[in-house]
């Protein structure tokens, strides 16, 4: 069984399944209630920031609040150079080189 097949099986498990969490899948940790609560917190923080900076010069305003971190969202840098992404990138470069060669040879137009 390949890693891709294993991940597809893990994604089919319920969001709170211990196997899914133990495998490092953080997308299912939060349910709808937790996500909605985070949205409410983000909106309240933004509203408070707007009121605090009302009438203040742009250069003297405080920076806007950052959203509440959510599991499985953001932090893409860790996955950016994963082996799967590197292989996919390499395959895409090979396809592009093959297409360029075929165009130059007149095999395709």
C-alpha atoms as a PDB file:
ATOM      1  CA  UNK A   1       0.000   0.000   0.000  1.00  0.00           C
ATOM      2  CA  UNK A   2       1.402   3.382  -0.953  1.00  0.00           C
ATOM      3  CA  UNK A   3       1.424   6.435   1.256  1.00  0.00           C
ATOM      4  CA  UNK A   4      -1.144   8.103  -1.009  1.00  0.00           C
ATOM      5  CA  UNK A   5      -3.545   5.151  -0.632  1.00  0.00           C
ATOM      6  CA  UNK A   6      -3.047   5.143   3.131  1.00  0.00           C
ATOM      7  CA  UNK A   7      -3.822   8.848   3.336  1.00  0.00           C
ATOM      8  CA  UNK A   8      -7.007   8.400   1.311  1.00  0.00           C
ATOM      9  CA  UNK A   9      -8.156   5.705   3.762  1.00  0.00           C
ATOM     10  CA  UNK A  10      -7.310   7.907   6.733  1.00  0.00           C
ATOM     11  CA  UNK A  11      -9.304  10.815   5.255  1.00  0.00           C
ATOM     12  CA  UNK A  12     -12.383   8.573   5.137  1.00  0.00           C
ATOM     13  CA  UNK A  13     -12.306   8.059   8.893  1.00  0.00           C
ATOM     14  CA  UNK A  14     -14.498  10.256  11.096  1.00  0.00           C
ATOM     15  CA  UNK A  15     -12.978  13.634  11.987  1.00  0.00           C
ATOM     16  CA  UNK A  16     -12.252  12.719  15.604  1.00  0.00           C
ATOM     17  CA  UNK A  17     -10.929   9.207  14.959  1.00  0.00           C
ATOM     18  CA  UNK A  18      -7.825   8.498  17.027  1.00  0.00           C
ATOM     19  CA  UNK A  19      -6.123   6.788  14.088  1.00  0.00           C
ATOM     20  CA  UNK A  20      -6.604   9.888  11.963  1.00  0.00           C
ATOM     21  CA  UNK A  21      -5.209  12.160  14.669  1.00  0.00           C
ATOM     22  CA  UNK A  22      -2.323   9.784  15.465  1.00  0.00           C
ATOM     23  CA  UNK A  23      -1.373   9.749  11.779  1.00  0.00           C
ATOM     24  CA  UNK A  24      -0.884  13.510  11.970  1.00  0.00           C
ATOM     25  CA  UNK A  25      -4.032  14.590  10.130  1.00  0.00           C
ATOM     26  CA  UNK A  26      -4.930  17.821  11.880  1.00  0.00           C
ATOM     27  CA  UNK A  27      -7.763  18.845   9.548  1.00  0.00           C
ATOM     28  CA  UNK A  28     -10.373  16.876  11.464  1.00  0.00           C
ATOM     29  CA  UNK A  29      -9.553  18.012  14.985  1.00  0.00           C
ATOM     30  CA  UNK A  30     -11.967  20.922  14.987  1.00  0.00           C
ATOM     31  CA  UNK A  31     -15.656  20.528  14.350  1.00  0.00           C
ATOM     32  CA  UNK A  32     -18.143  23.073  13.060  1.00  0.00           C
ATOM     33  CA  UNK A  33     -18.670  24.591  16.526  1.00  0.00           C
ATOM     34  CA  UNK A  34     -14.955  25.282  17.001  1.00  0.00           C
ATOM     35  CA  UNK A  35     -14.614  26.849  13.545  1.00  0.00           C
ATOM     36  CA  UNK A  36     -17.657  29.070  14.098  1.00  0.00           C
ATOM     37  CA  UNK A  37     -16.305  30.176  17.474  1.00  0.00           C
ATOM     38  CA  UNK A  38     -12.981  31.091  15.858  1.00  0.00           C
ATOM     39  CA  UNK A  39     -14.829  33.141  13.224  1.00  0.00           C
ATOM     40  CA  UNK A  40     -16.749  35.004  15.947  1.00  0.00           C
ATOM     41  CA  UNK A  41     -13.506  35.745  17.811  1.00  0.00           C
ATOM     42  CA  UNK A  42     -11.845  36.974  14.614  1.00  0.00           C
ATOM     43  CA  UNK A  43     -14.775  39.278  13.816  1.00  0.00           C
ATOM     44  CA  UNK A  44     -14.884  40.705  17.346  1.00  0.00           C
ATOM     45  CA  UNK A  45     -11.148  41.360  17.345  1.00  0.00           C
ATOM     46  CA  UNK A  46     -11.410  43.076  13.949  1.00  0.00           C
ATOM     47  CA  UNK A  47     -14.355  45.219  15.109  1.00  0.00           C
ATOM     48  CA  UNK A  48     -12.462  46.263  18.244  1.00  0.00           C
ATOM     49  CA  UNK A  49      -9.398  47.087  16.149  1.00  0.00           C
ATOM     50  CA  UNK A  50     -11.505  49.218  13.809  1.00  0.00           C
ATOM     51  CA  UNK A  51     -13.050  51.149  16.709  1.00  0.00           C
ATOM     52  CA  UNK A  52      -9.679  51.648  18.388  1.00  0.00           C
ATOM     53  CA  UNK A  53      -8.174  53.087  15.185  1.00  0.00           C
ATOM     54  CA  UNK A  54     -11.132  55.263  14.213  1.00  0.00           C
ATOM     55  CA  UNK A  55      -9.986  58.808  13.507  1.00  0.00           C
ATOM     56  CA  UNK A  56      -6.288  57.910  13.849  1.00  0.00           C
ATOM     57  CA  UNK A  57      -3.864  58.726  11.050  1.00  0.00           C
ATOM     58  CA  UNK A  58      -3.107  55.739   8.840  1.00  0.00           C
ATOM     59  CA  UNK A  59       0.589  55.688   9.746  1.00  0.00           C
ATOM     60  CA  UNK A  60      -0.191  55.764  13.486  1.00  0.00           C
ATOM     61  CA  UNK A  61      -2.751  52.956  13.421  1.00  0.00           C
ATOM     62  CA  UNK A  62      -1.965  49.664  15.063  1.00  0.00           C
ATOM     63  CA  UNK A  63      -1.651  46.600  12.847  1.00  0.00           C
ATOM     64  CA  UNK A  64      -4.818  44.569  12.246  1.00  0.00           C
ATOM     65  CA  UNK A  65      -5.293  41.481  14.420  1.00  0.00           C
ATOM     66  CA  UNK A  66      -4.173  38.101  13.129  1.00  0.00           C
ATOM     67  CA  UNK A  67      -6.833  35.400  12.827  1.00  0.00           C
ATOM     68  CA  UNK A  68      -7.069  32.648  15.404  1.00  0.00           C
ATOM     69  CA  UNK A  69      -4.858  29.762  14.248  1.00  0.00           C
ATOM     70  CA  UNK A  70      -6.880  26.819  13.006  1.00  0.00           C
ATOM     71  CA  UNK A  71      -5.638  23.252  12.696  1.00  0.00           C
ATOM     72  CA  UNK A  72      -4.917  22.190   9.150  1.00  0.00           C
ATOM     73  CA  UNK A  73      -5.065  25.773   7.852  1.00  0.00           C
ATOM     74  CA  UNK A  74      -2.029  27.881   7.069  1.00  0.00           C
ATOM     75  CA  UNK A  75       1.506  26.958   7.943  1.00  0.00           C
ATOM     76  CA  UNK A  76       1.919  25.635   4.413  1.00  0.00           C
ATOM     77  CA  UNK A  77       5.689  26.017   4.599  1.00  0.00           C
ATOM     78  CA  UNK A  78       6.053  22.696   6.397  1.00  0.00           C
ATOM     79  CA  UNK A  79       4.362  20.829   3.556  1.00  0.00           C
ATOM     80  CA  UNK A  80       5.893  22.928   0.770  1.00  0.00           C
ATOM     81  CA  UNK A  81       8.907  20.660   0.353  1.00  0.00           C
ATOM     82  CA  UNK A  82       7.278  17.359   1.195  1.00  0.00           C
ATOM     83  CA  UNK A  83       8.458  14.390  -0.903  1.00  0.00           C
ATOM     84  CA  UNK A  84       5.083  14.179  -2.659  1.00  0.00           C
ATOM     85  CA  UNK A  85       5.177  17.850  -3.680  1.00  0.00           C
ATOM     86  CA  UNK A  86       8.786  17.566  -4.843  1.00  0.00           C
ATOM     87  CA  UNK A  87       7.934  14.525  -6.992  1.00  0.00           C
ATOM     88  CA  UNK A  88       4.882  16.277  -8.447  1.00  0.00           C
ATOM     89  CA  UNK A  89       6.995  19.344  -9.219  1.00  0.00           C
ATOM     90  CA  UNK A  90       9.638  17.176 -10.903  1.00  0.00           C
ATOM     91  CA  UNK A  91       6.993  15.401 -13.014  1.00  0.00           C
ATOM     92  CA  UNK A  92       5.535  18.767 -14.067  1.00  0.00           C
ATOM     93  CA  UNK A  93       8.986  19.998 -15.113  1.00  0.00           C
ATOM     94  CA  UNK A  94       9.545  16.797 -17.100  1.00  0.00           C
ATOM     95  CA  UNK A  95       6.173  17.177 -18.859  1.00  0.00           C
ATOM     96  CA  UNK A  96       6.986  20.797 -19.704  1.00  0.00           C
ATOM     97  CA  UNK A  97      10.396  19.818 -21.099  1.00  0.00           C
ATOM     98  CA  UNK A  98       8.829  17.019 -23.163  1.00  0.00           C
ATOM     99  CA  UNK A  99       6.197  19.386 -24.547  1.00  0.00           C
ATOM    100  CA  UNK A 100       8.858  21.972 -25.402  1.00  0.00           C
ATOM    101  CA  UNK A 101      10.899  19.290 -27.206  1.00  0.00           C
ATOM    102  CA  UNK A 102       7.830  18.066 -29.116  1.00  0.00           C
ATOM    103  CA  UNK A 103       6.940  21.611 -30.164  1.00  0.00           C
ATOM    104  CA  UNK A 104      10.474  22.251 -31.377  1.00  0.00           C
ATOM    105  CA  UNK A 105      10.452  18.975 -33.338  1.00  0.00           C
ATOM    106  CA  UNK A 106       7.096  19.842 -34.931  1.00  0.00           C
ATOM    107  CA  UNK A 107       5.384  16.773 -33.486  1.00  0.00           C
ATOM    108  CA  UNK A 108       2.644  18.937 -31.996  1.00  0.00           C
ATOM    109  CA  UNK A 109       1.391  22.410 -32.802  1.00  0.00           C
END
